[in-house]
Protein backbone atom coordinates (compact mmCIF):
# COMPACT_ATOMS: atom_id res chain seq x y z
CA MET A 1 112.04 76.62 74.86
CA THR A 2 114.59 76.05 78.19
CA ASP A 3 114.94 72.55 78.87
CA VAL A 4 115.02 72.56 82.82
CA PHE A 5 112.87 74.95 84.33
CA TYR A 6 113.48 76.19 88.76
CA PRO A 7 110.47 77.95 88.99
CA ARG A 8 111.07 79.93 92.40
CA ALA A 9 109.03 81.97 94.92
CA LEU A 10 109.60 84.03 98.22
CA VAL A 11 107.10 86.17 100.42
CA GLN A 12 108.25 88.98 102.45
CA LEU A 13 106.01 89.09 105.19
CA HIS A 14 106.39 92.99 106.88
CA ALA A 15 103.60 92.75 110.49
CA ARG A 16 102.28 95.04 113.00
CA VAL A 17 101.83 92.50 115.46
CA LEU A 18 100.89 93.73 119.21
CA GLY A 19 102.17 96.99 118.72
CA GLN A 20 106.00 95.86 117.25
CA ASP A 21 107.04 95.50 113.48
CA VAL A 22 107.86 92.35 112.78
CA THR A 23 109.73 91.31 109.26
CA THR A 24 110.26 88.10 107.61
CA SER A 25 110.68 85.81 104.72
CA ILE A 26 108.82 82.88 103.99
CA GLU A 27 108.89 80.05 101.24
CA PRO A 28 105.51 79.48 100.28
CA HIS A 29 103.35 76.05 99.54
CA ARG A 30 101.48 78.24 96.66
CA VAL A 31 101.41 81.14 95.08
CA SER A 32 98.59 82.43 92.35
CA LEU A 33 99.46 86.14 91.27
CA THR A 34 96.37 87.39 88.51
CA ARG A 35 97.54 90.54 86.76
CA ARG A 36 94.37 91.80 85.66
CA PRO A 37 92.59 95.21 83.08
CA HIS A 38 93.81 97.92 84.30
CA ASN A 39 90.44 99.34 85.48
CA GLN A 40 90.91 96.36 88.02
CA ALA A 41 93.25 96.01 90.93
CA ASP A 42 96.14 92.88 90.22
CA GLU A 43 95.47 90.18 93.21
CA VAL A 44 97.69 87.73 94.95
CA GLU A 45 96.81 84.77 97.45
CA VAL A 46 99.29 82.96 99.42
CA GLU A 47 99.39 79.75 100.84
CA ILE A 48 102.14 79.36 103.57
CA HIS A 49 102.68 76.72 106.05
CA GLY A 50 101.38 78.02 109.74
CA THR A 51 104.53 76.56 111.48
CA ALA A 52 106.60 79.16 109.33
CA LEU A 53 105.19 82.24 110.67
CA PRO A 54 107.39 83.75 113.69
CA PHE A 55 104.05 85.22 115.18
CA GLU A 56 100.53 84.51 115.58
CA PRO A 57 98.01 85.42 113.12
CA ARG A 58 95.71 86.24 115.25
CA HIS A 59 97.66 88.91 116.79
CA ILE A 60 98.38 90.75 113.45
CA GLU A 61 97.21 94.17 113.33
CA ASP A 62 98.29 95.21 109.45
CA LEU A 63 100.45 93.63 106.82
CA TRP A 64 102.42 94.26 104.16
CA LEU A 65 103.37 91.68 101.50
CA GLY A 66 105.98 91.58 98.86
CA VAL A 67 105.82 88.64 96.39
CA PHE A 68 108.87 87.41 94.27
CA LEU A 69 108.62 84.82 91.64
CA GLY A 70 110.28 83.55 88.68
CA ASP A 71 113.09 81.23 87.68
CA PRO A 72 116.50 82.05 88.67
CA ARG A 73 117.46 79.48 86.29
CA SER A 74 119.75 77.28 88.45
CA MET A 75 118.95 75.54 91.97
CA SER A 76 121.29 78.20 93.86
CA GLY A 77 120.04 81.11 92.26
CA ARG A 78 118.47 83.51 94.33
CA VAL A 79 114.77 84.62 93.38
CA ASP A 80 114.70 87.42 96.14
CA THR A 81 116.01 90.13 93.84
CA ASP A 82 114.50 93.33 92.19
CA ARG A 83 114.46 91.86 88.97
CA PHE A 84 111.98 89.09 90.28
CA LEU A 85 109.69 91.17 92.69
CA ARG A 86 106.29 90.90 91.26
CA PHE A 87 103.65 92.15 93.63
CA VAL A 88 103.59 94.27 96.77
CA GLY A 89 100.10 95.41 98.76
CA TYR A 90 98.63 95.26 102.19
CA ALA A 91 96.99 92.24 102.60
CA ASP A 92 92.98 92.21 102.64
CA ASP A 93 92.36 89.16 104.59
CA MET A 94 94.02 86.36 106.20
CA GLU A 95 92.18 82.55 107.31
CA PRO A 96 94.31 80.82 109.78
CA GLY A 97 94.51 77.01 108.85
CA ASN A 98 93.13 74.25 111.07
CA PRO A 99 95.67 74.18 113.89
CA ALA A 100 94.59 70.28 114.51
CA ALA A 101 95.52 69.99 110.94
CA GLU A 102 98.81 67.78 110.14
CA ALA A 103 100.50 70.63 108.19
CA PRO A 104 98.66 73.27 109.15
CA ARG A 105 98.46 76.75 106.50
CA VAL A 106 97.45 80.16 106.31
CA LYS A 107 96.26 81.66 103.26
CA ILE A 108 96.72 85.80 102.81
CA THR A 109 95.12 87.20 99.99
CA ALA A 110 96.05 91.11 98.75
CA ARG A 111 95.37 93.37 96.12
CA ASP A 112 98.09 95.63 94.62
CA ARG A 113 98.97 99.48 95.78
CA SER A 114 95.95 100.73 94.12
CA ALA A 115 93.62 98.73 96.50
CA GLN A 116 94.28 101.90 99.03
CA LEU A 117 92.77 104.50 96.19
CA ARG A 118 89.88 102.47 95.34
CA ASP A 119 88.88 102.09 98.91
CA PHE A 120 89.96 105.82 99.42
CA LYS A 121 85.79 108.28 99.44
CA PRO A 122 84.88 110.94 99.42
CA LEU A 123 87.53 112.66 97.82
CA PRO A 124 88.28 116.47 99.43
CA VAL A 125 87.09 119.03 97.36
CA ALA A 126 90.83 120.34 97.64
CA ALA A 127 92.01 117.33 96.19
CA GLN A 128 89.52 117.67 93.15
CA PRO A 129 91.51 118.23 89.70
CA ARG A 130 91.04 121.34 87.54
CA TYR A 131 91.12 122.19 84.21
CA GLY A 132 94.15 124.83 84.67
CA ASP A 133 96.12 121.40 85.89
CA MET A 134 98.42 119.27 83.75
CA LEU A 135 97.39 115.85 83.81
CA GLY A 136 100.34 114.71 86.47
CA GLN A 137 99.49 117.41 88.43
CA ALA A 138 96.17 116.59 88.76
CA ILE A 139 96.90 113.01 89.68
CA GLU A 140 99.60 113.98 92.41
CA ARG A 141 97.19 116.26 93.97
CA ILE A 142 94.23 113.30 94.51
CA LEU A 143 97.75 110.86 95.55
CA ALA A 144 98.29 113.55 98.56
CA ALA A 145 95.00 113.93 99.51
CA VAL A 146 95.47 109.69 100.74
CA PRO A 147 96.92 109.42 103.93
CA SER A 148 97.40 105.29 103.12
CA ALA A 149 99.58 106.06 99.50
CA VAL A 150 102.22 107.08 101.43
CA GLY A 151 105.42 105.62 99.11
CA MET A 152 103.21 105.80 96.01
CA GLU A 153 104.25 107.63 93.22
CA LEU A 154 103.58 109.19 89.75
CA ARG A 155 105.77 107.77 87.20
CA SER A 156 107.67 110.31 85.00
CA SER A 157 106.79 110.41 81.32
CA GLU A 158 105.61 112.68 78.46
CA HIS A 159 101.82 112.05 79.88
CA ALA A 160 102.03 113.57 82.94
CA SER A 161 102.79 116.83 80.68
CA ILE A 162 99.34 116.93 79.33
CA PRO A 163 97.43 120.18 79.40
CA LEU A 164 93.96 119.72 80.77
CA ALA A 165 92.78 122.85 79.44
CA PRO A 166 92.43 122.41 75.74
CA LEU A 167 89.28 120.04 77.31
CA VAL A 168 87.15 122.99 77.95
CA SER A 169 86.43 126.59 76.57
CA ALA A 170 88.21 129.04 77.87
CA ARG A 171 85.43 130.84 80.29
CA ALA A 172 85.49 127.29 81.58
CA ARG A 173 89.53 126.91 82.19
CA ALA A 174 89.40 128.32 85.77
CA GLY A 175 87.25 125.51 87.46
CA ARG A 176 87.13 121.86 88.91
CA ILE A 177 86.43 118.96 86.73
CA PRO A 178 83.14 117.47 87.35
CA LEU A 179 83.59 114.07 89.06
CA PRO A 180 81.01 111.06 89.01
CA ASN A 181 79.24 111.11 91.90
CA ASP A 182 80.98 109.45 95.06
CA CYS A 183 83.81 108.34 93.29
CA THR A 184 86.79 106.94 95.00
CA ALA A 185 90.41 108.53 94.50
CA TRP A 186 91.18 106.06 92.32
CA GLN A 187 88.11 106.21 89.50
CA ALA A 188 89.08 110.43 90.13
CA ILE A 189 92.39 109.55 88.36
CA GLU A 190 90.78 106.87 86.10
CA HIS A 191 88.23 109.54 85.13
CA VAL A 192 90.93 112.61 84.72
CA CYS A 193 93.10 110.09 82.27
CA GLY A 194 90.47 109.20 80.24
CA LEU A 195 89.64 112.57 79.41
CA CYS A 196 93.15 112.68 78.21
CA ALA A 197 92.76 109.82 76.06
CA ARG A 198 95.10 108.01 78.28
CA GLU A 199 95.00 104.64 80.85
CA VAL A 200 96.34 104.76 84.09
CA THR A 201 97.64 101.27 85.92
CA ILE A 202 100.20 100.25 88.97
CA ASP A 203 103.55 99.09 88.80
CA LEU A 204 104.10 98.49 92.19
CA GLU A 205 104.37 101.16 93.77
CA ASP A 206 104.41 103.56 90.75
CA VAL A 207 101.16 105.17 89.14
CA VAL A 208 101.79 104.62 85.45
CA ILE A 209 99.91 106.78 82.62
CA GLN A 210 99.97 104.81 79.52
CA VAL A 211 98.38 104.85 75.82
CA PRO A 212 95.24 102.66 75.46
CA THR A 213 96.54 99.57 73.70
CA ALA A 214 93.59 97.17 74.15
CA ALA A 215 92.74 96.81 70.64
CA ARG A 216 95.44 97.80 68.81
CA SER A 217 96.69 95.10 66.08
CA SER A 218 100.34 96.97 66.11
CA PRO A 219 102.83 95.85 64.50
CA SER A 220 105.28 95.59 67.72
CA GLU A 221 106.77 92.04 68.18
CA ALA A 222 104.67 89.47 71.02
CA ALA A 223 106.20 89.70 74.33
CA ALA A 224 105.88 86.31 74.60
CA ASN A 225 105.78 83.29 72.39
CA PHE A 226 103.32 80.21 72.70
CA VAL A 227 103.91 76.91 70.61
CA PHE A 228 101.84 73.75 70.08
CA GLY A 229 103.95 70.42 69.31
CA GLY A 230 107.30 69.51 68.91
CA VAL A 231 110.40 70.19 71.01
CA ARG A 232 109.70 73.86 71.48
CA GLY A 233 106.27 73.17 72.54
CA ASN A 234 105.35 74.83 75.86
CA LEU A 235 101.56 75.14 74.96
CA LEU A 236 99.25 72.34 77.03
CA GLU A 237 95.80 73.60 76.01
CA ALA A 238 93.59 76.44 74.16
CA LYS A 239 89.88 76.68 74.43
CA ARG A 240 87.41 78.81 73.28
CA LYS A 241 85.52 80.77 76.33
CA LYS A 242 83.35 83.14 74.78
CA LYS A 243 82.10 85.66 71.53
CA PHE A 244 81.91 89.21 71.96
CA GLN A 245 78.46 90.72 69.78
CA ARG A 246 78.66 94.54 70.03
CA ASN A 247 82.64 95.39 69.87
CA ARG A 248 82.52 96.74 66.18
CA ASN A 249 79.58 98.84 67.18
CA GLY A 250 80.47 102.63 66.62
CA VAL A 251 80.80 104.91 69.16
CA ARG A 252 78.79 108.39 70.08
CA VAL A 253 80.26 110.46 72.91
CA VAL A 254 78.15 113.28 74.26
CA SER A 255 78.73 115.91 76.84
CA PHE A 256 77.31 119.07 77.54
CA ASP A 257 79.24 122.95 77.98
CA PRO A 258 77.83 124.60 80.62
CA ALA A 259 79.77 127.84 79.33
CA THR A 260 76.81 128.06 76.04
CA ARG A 261 74.24 125.52 77.18
CA ARG A 262 74.84 123.67 74.08
CA ARG A 263 75.05 119.41 73.52
CA VAL A 264 78.27 118.98 72.30
CA GLU A 265 79.00 115.17 70.37
CA ALA A 266 81.82 113.12 68.57
CA VAL A 267 81.86 110.19 66.75
CA TYR A 268 84.23 107.31 65.94
CA PRO A 269 85.39 106.00 63.19
CA PRO A 270 83.00 108.05 60.52
CA ASP A 271 80.19 106.68 59.59
CA GLY A 272 82.28 105.87 55.83
CA GLN A 273 84.64 103.74 57.85
CA LEU A 274 81.54 102.09 59.70
CA PRO A 275 79.89 98.77 58.37
CA ARG A 276 76.31 99.48 57.58
CA ARG A 277 73.95 97.05 58.75
CA HIS A 278 71.63 95.16 56.45
CA ARG A 279 67.66 94.54 57.14
CA ALA A 280 65.59 92.40 55.15
CA ARG A 281 62.82 94.00 53.39
CA GLY A 282 59.70 93.19 54.49
CA ARG A 283 56.08 93.22 52.61
CA ARG A 284 55.69 96.78 52.92
CA GLY A 285 59.35 97.92 51.80
CA GLY A 286 61.77 99.36 54.60
CA GLY A 287 64.83 97.49 54.16
CA GLY A 288 67.89 97.67 52.91
CA ALA A 289 71.11 99.73 54.68
CA GLN A 290 70.37 101.42 57.74
CA PRO A 291 72.90 103.61 59.67
CA PRO A 292 75.68 102.18 61.12
CA GLU A 293 75.14 101.39 65.20
CA ARG A 294 76.54 103.39 68.11
CA ASP A 295 77.00 102.88 71.15
CA ILE A 296 76.35 106.06 73.00
CA PHE A 297 78.22 107.14 76.02
CA ALA A 298 77.11 110.53 78.21
CA LEU A 299 80.07 112.24 79.58
CA GLY A 300 78.14 115.26 80.99
CA ASP A 301 80.64 117.90 80.95
CA GLY A 302 83.88 117.10 81.60
CA ILE A 303 84.81 117.46 78.42
CA THR A 304 83.48 120.60 75.55
CA SER A 305 85.98 120.69 72.86
CA HIS A 306 84.93 118.95 69.54
CA ASP A 307 88.51 117.44 69.28
CA GLN A 308 89.28 116.61 72.19
CA LEU A 309 85.92 114.50 72.39
CA GLU A 310 86.42 112.85 69.11
CA GLU A 311 89.73 111.57 71.07
CA TYR A 312 87.87 110.56 73.74
CA ALA A 313 85.53 108.36 71.14
CA ARG A 314 88.31 106.91 69.78
CA ARG A 315 89.96 105.75 72.86
CA ILE A 316 86.20 103.92 73.85
CA TYR A 317 86.41 102.56 70.04
CA LEU A 318 89.75 101.15 70.31
CA GLU A 319 89.36 100.06 73.56
CA ARG A 320 86.05 97.38 72.55
CA SER A 321 87.11 96.91 69.11
CA ARG A 322 88.45 93.32 69.42
CA GLN A 323 87.22 90.50 67.42
CA GLU A 324 85.09 88.34 68.51
CA VAL A 325 86.97 84.61 69.73
CA GLU A 326 88.21 84.82 73.49
CA VAL A 327 90.72 81.87 74.38
CA GLU A 328 92.34 80.26 77.23
CA ILE A 329 95.71 79.23 76.73
CA GLU A 330 97.80 76.94 79.64
CA CYS A 331 101.79 77.22 79.67
CA PRO A 332 103.35 74.16 81.47
CA PHE A 333 107.04 75.68 81.42
CA PRO A 334 107.15 79.40 82.08
CA THR A 335 109.92 81.48 81.87
CA ASP A 336 110.48 84.78 83.01
CA GLN A 337 109.16 86.36 80.23
CA HIS A 338 105.81 83.92 80.65
CA ILE A 339 105.66 85.43 84.48
CA GLY A 340 106.43 89.01 83.42
CA LEU A 341 103.41 89.39 81.37
CA ARG A 342 100.89 91.69 81.44
CA ASN A 343 97.48 93.27 80.62
CA GLY A 344 97.33 94.82 77.14
CA ASP A 345 100.68 92.74 76.10
CA ARG A 346 100.95 90.62 73.22
CA VAL A 347 101.82 87.40 72.53
CA SER A 348 101.94 84.86 69.41
CA ILE A 349 100.40 81.22 69.04
CA GLU A 350 102.18 79.20 66.98
CA ILE A 351 102.23 75.75 65.52
CA GLU A 352 105.08 73.26 65.48
CA PRO A 353 106.95 73.93 62.07
CA GLY A 354 106.66 70.69 60.95
CA LEU A 355 102.86 70.89 61.22
CA ALA A 356 102.24 74.12 59.96
CA ASP A 357 103.75 72.99 57.06
CA ASP A 358 101.45 70.28 56.81
CA ILE A 359 98.38 72.74 57.78
CA ARG A 360 99.49 74.64 54.42
CA GLY A 361 99.63 72.05 52.14
CA SER A 362 96.13 70.40 53.70
CA GLY A 363 93.35 72.54 51.57
CA THR A 364 89.81 72.79 53.86
CA GLY A 365 90.74 69.55 55.53
CA ALA A 366 93.69 71.75 58.03
CA VAL A 367 90.77 72.75 60.68
CA ALA A 368 89.76 68.97 61.19
CA LEU A 369 93.75 67.67 61.18
CA LEU A 370 94.08 70.18 64.01
CA GLU A 371 91.31 69.20 65.59
CA ARG A 372 92.14 65.44 65.98
CA ARG A 373 96.16 65.94 65.90
CA LEU A 374 95.56 68.74 68.70
CA GLY A 375 92.29 68.03 70.44
CA VAL A 376 91.14 71.43 70.39
CA ASP A 377 87.50 73.46 69.64
CA ARG A 378 87.08 73.93 66.17
CA GLU A 379 87.23 77.89 66.39
CA VAL A 380 90.33 77.38 68.00
CA ALA A 381 91.36 75.24 65.32
CA GLN A 382 90.60 77.97 62.73
CA ILE A 383 92.34 80.98 64.14
CA LEU A 384 95.59 78.10 64.32
CA VAL A 385 95.30 77.70 60.71
CA ARG A 386 94.63 81.33 59.83
CA SER A 387 98.21 81.75 61.72
CA ALA A 388 99.79 79.21 60.15
CA ARG A 389 99.06 80.48 56.46
CA GLU A 390 99.32 83.85 57.68
CA PRO A 391 102.04 84.54 60.17
CA THR A 392 100.84 88.09 60.41
CA THR A 393 97.40 87.05 61.97
CA ASN A 394 99.16 84.98 65.11
CA LEU A 395 98.75 88.05 67.42
CA PHE A 396 96.72 88.03 70.51
CA TYR A 397 95.80 90.78 73.32
CA ALA A 398 96.87 89.08 76.85
CA LYS A 399 93.54 90.16 78.93
CA THR A 400 94.05 88.62 82.53
CA ILE A 401 97.13 86.69 83.56
CA THR A 402 97.51 84.20 86.21
CA THR A 403 100.78 82.57 87.13
CA GLU A 404 99.94 79.74 89.60
CA PHE A 405 103.38 78.50 91.60
CA SER A 406 103.83 75.09 93.81
CA ALA A 407 105.85 73.85 95.80
CA THR A 408 104.96 70.64 95.19
CA GLU A 409 102.99 70.56 92.15
CA LYS A 410 103.85 72.30 88.47
CA THR A 411 103.97 75.50 88.07
CA VAL A 412 101.51 77.07 85.60
CA VAL A 413 100.40 80.36 83.40
CA LYS A 414 97.32 80.98 82.14
CA ILE A 415 96.34 83.37 79.64
CA ASP A 416 92.87 84.93 78.75
CA ALA A 417 93.93 86.65 75.58
CA ILE A 418 91.49 88.02 72.62
CA ASN A 419 92.75 87.58 69.00
CA LEU A 420 93.45 90.80 67.30
CA ILE A 421 91.29 92.84 64.20
CA LEU A 422 93.56 95.53 62.62
CA ALA A 423 92.64 98.85 64.13
CA ILE A 424 91.02 101.74 61.39
CA ASP A 425 94.23 103.91 60.80
CA ASP A 426 95.92 100.33 60.44
CA ARG A 427 93.90 98.86 57.81
CA GLN A 428 94.38 102.61 55.85
CA ALA A 429 97.85 102.15 56.35
CA ALA A 430 97.52 99.09 54.60
């Protein structure tokens, strides 16, 4: 853990004011940057002193901002570098402060560049993806149809060359991919990526295709570590938020092949790899094991290949099959490693080594010991005990990450995290 922290923030404003372009850089009073799951836009909220604005807020016609945030490791270090650029986007709202106040402030809220795609509808027919496209071609056609998406590009990767033709039978490959009614440009991109068992997200101005990671308890190292207690301690608190009840249900995906007029379906995981339900036996019998529960997803006629449909079902299952406990952790000494976290990153929660040794030797009283020493909820204490005794179980999936910078108070990183379970493929490998 670093002994001294120098969190800094800078906001670049590019405004259209009374027909003129104005660019200025301002040190904000407060910044709150929230990274959300791939199906939601990231958001930033900035507060600046109104006297620092070189223009009257009421005269702004359009406003674009870039947010730099990080720890340059010294008082004289620069934060306005590519390394610390965390956010770019157009402002959605600007609230001028009270001009009679001693230090009037202006609050600006903005979403990431996906906002232009999320707000654009209907999608022109010419931009609708076709089964004859590669995945990258389909996305680029959609981007080209959105005037406000200027500057956005699809990041080059092997995923862009995935063909869409195998999704359907040969007779349907010349047609357009059906999209949900009244869908936005972003929903269209998400839909076509989902058909290929991929996710899509935004990194500054790049559209990024990635393999779903939401529930994969992979052996990869944690992107950041959080420690309770001791000189390495950087974790202020951890508390339970809620429980998931249906996440271990299997998935059944149903589609329709218009060429053969037949229903097509696939399940994941196979019946033999899901726990069966057990119901109490009544007076007239009927108890015992029941078929495993499955949640049904109707796809319409987007996929007709059974293999592709099964991969789609697998993606949904991995997106949802998380453990029951979600915790909120708060770090009062964030480094660049913590500020740079994104949805899907793995983080570890550990206990100071000396306390971990006490836990390993405390038998059944370990949970009560942590409740008393750390003041955490019982469910959180149970997780910490397990991670101390089995270090391979201390990985969490970072769901939502909020960095709160303040020029006058402490800077903190708050993370909603979910403890992971092994996915089916990992259990089989073990």
